Amino acid sequence: MYKDARNEWRWKYDASNAKTIAVSSEGYVKRADCERSIEIMKASYDSPVWFPADLANAA
């Protein structure tokens, strides 16, 4: 978690290779709200992934 230029809380999720693979879609005034969004993201690990029909079988 970090504070952005607007002094709002944001988060980013880095893979083991240090590449960022997810970021918060909004800034949060309260740190607790930012922490909650992290928990929501973590809990979605088994959610279905949607692909447009034309890309479902793309290589």
C-alpha atoms as a PDB file:
ATOM      1  CA  MET A   1       0.000   0.000   0.000  1.00  0.00           C
ATOM      2  CA  TYR A   2       1.080   3.527  -0.639  1.00  0.00           C
ATOM      3  CA  LYS A   3      -0.224   7.086  -0.808  1.00  0.00           C
ATOM      4  CA  ASP A   4      -0.635   8.571  -4.258  1.00  0.00           C
ATOM      5  CA  ALA A   5      -0.203  12.178  -5.439  1.00  0.00           C
ATOM      6  CA  ARG A   6      -3.739  12.978  -4.217  1.00  0.00           C
ATOM      7  CA  ASN A   7      -2.814  11.622  -0.761  1.00  0.00           C
ATOM      8  CA  GLU A   8      -5.154   8.646  -1.220  1.00  0.00           C
ATOM      9  CA  TRP A   9      -4.347   5.045  -0.331  1.00  0.00           C
ATOM     10  CA  ARG A  10      -3.699   2.636  -3.208  1.00  0.00           C
ATOM     11  CA  TRP A  11      -2.265  -0.862  -3.513  1.00  0.00           C
ATOM     12  CA  LYS A  12      -0.368  -2.867  -6.087  1.00  0.00           C
ATOM     13  CA  TYR A  13       0.248  -6.587  -6.246  1.00  0.00           C
ATOM     14  CA  ASP A  14       3.604  -7.816  -7.498  1.00  0.00           C
ATOM     15  CA  ALA A  15       4.434 -11.319  -8.704  1.00  0.00           C
ATOM     16  CA  SER A  16       7.493 -13.169  -7.434  1.00  0.00           C
ATOM     17  CA  ASN A  17       9.471 -11.764 -10.388  1.00  0.00           C
ATOM     18  CA  ALA A  18       8.734  -8.227  -9.120  1.00  0.00           C
ATOM     19  CA  LYS A  19       6.395  -7.450 -12.031  1.00  0.00           C
ATOM     20  CA  THR A  20       3.185  -5.661 -11.073  1.00  0.00           C
ATOM     21  CA  ILE A  21       0.202  -7.816 -12.006  1.00  0.00           C
ATOM     22  CA  ALA A  22      -2.664  -5.929 -10.327  1.00  0.00           C
ATOM     23  CA  VAL A  23      -3.348  -2.429  -9.027  1.00  0.00           C
ATOM     24  CA  SER A  24      -6.189  -0.773  -7.164  1.00  0.00           C
ATOM     25  CA  SER A  25      -8.738   0.739  -9.515  1.00  0.00           C
ATOM     26  CA  GLU A  26      -9.325   3.702  -7.250  1.00  0.00           C
ATOM     27  CA  GLY A  27      -7.765   5.658  -4.417  1.00  0.00           C
ATOM     28  CA  TYR A  28      -9.093   5.379  -0.864  1.00  0.00           C
ATOM     29  CA  VAL A  29      -9.317   8.136   1.726  1.00  0.00           C
ATOM     30  CA  LYS A  30      -9.298   5.615   4.568  1.00  0.00           C
ATOM     31  CA  ARG A  31      -6.509   3.073   4.933  1.00  0.00           C
ATOM     32  CA  ALA A  32      -9.030   0.524   6.220  1.00  0.00           C
ATOM     33  CA  ASP A  33     -10.991   0.785   2.957  1.00  0.00           C
ATOM     34  CA  CYS A  34      -7.816   0.126   0.984  1.00  0.00           C
ATOM     35  CA  GLU A  35      -7.025  -2.871   3.178  1.00  0.00           C
ATOM     36  CA  ARG A  36     -10.574  -4.179   2.612  1.00  0.00           C
ATOM     37  CA  SER A  37     -10.158  -3.936  -1.159  1.00  0.00           C
ATOM     38  CA  ILE A  38      -6.979  -6.024  -0.851  1.00  0.00           C
ATOM     39  CA  GLU A  39      -8.918  -8.674   1.055  1.00  0.00           C
ATOM     40  CA  ILE A  40     -11.622  -8.681  -1.641  1.00  0.00           C
ATOM     41  CA  MET A  41      -8.976  -9.109  -4.346  1.00  0.00           C
ATOM     42  CA  LYS A  42      -7.330 -11.971  -2.448  1.00  0.00           C
ATOM     43  CA  ALA A  43     -10.670 -13.712  -1.955  1.00  0.00           C
ATOM     44  CA  SER A  44     -11.418 -13.649  -5.688  1.00  0.00           C
ATOM     45  CA  TYR A  45      -8.634 -16.104  -6.608  1.00  0.00           C
ATOM     46  CA  ASP A  46     -11.091 -18.769  -7.765  1.00  0.00           C
ATOM     47  CA  SER A  47     -13.531 -16.464  -9.557  1.00  0.00           C
ATOM     48  CA  PRO A  48     -14.368 -17.335 -13.162  1.00  0.00           C
ATOM     49  CA  VAL A  49     -12.448 -15.526 -15.882  1.00  0.00           C
ATOM     50  CA  TRP A  50     -14.467 -14.002 -18.717  1.00  0.00           C
ATOM     51  CA  PHE A  51     -13.170 -13.986 -22.282  1.00  0.00           C
ATOM     52  CA  PRO A  52     -14.884 -12.492 -25.312  1.00  0.00           C
ATOM     53  CA  ALA A  53     -16.090 -15.274 -27.624  1.00  0.00           C
ATOM     54  CA  ASP A  54     -13.599 -14.330 -30.352  1.00  0.00           C
ATOM     55  CA  LEU A  55     -10.658 -14.674 -27.924  1.00  0.00           C
ATOM     56  CA  ALA A  56     -11.739 -17.748 -25.959  1.00  0.00           C
ATOM     57  CA  ASN A  57      -9.577 -20.079 -28.058  1.00  0.00           C
ATOM     58  CA  ALA A  58      -6.812 -17.659 -29.002  1.00  0.00           C
ATOM     59  CA  ALA A  59      -3.225 -18.829 -28.611  1.00  0.00           C
END
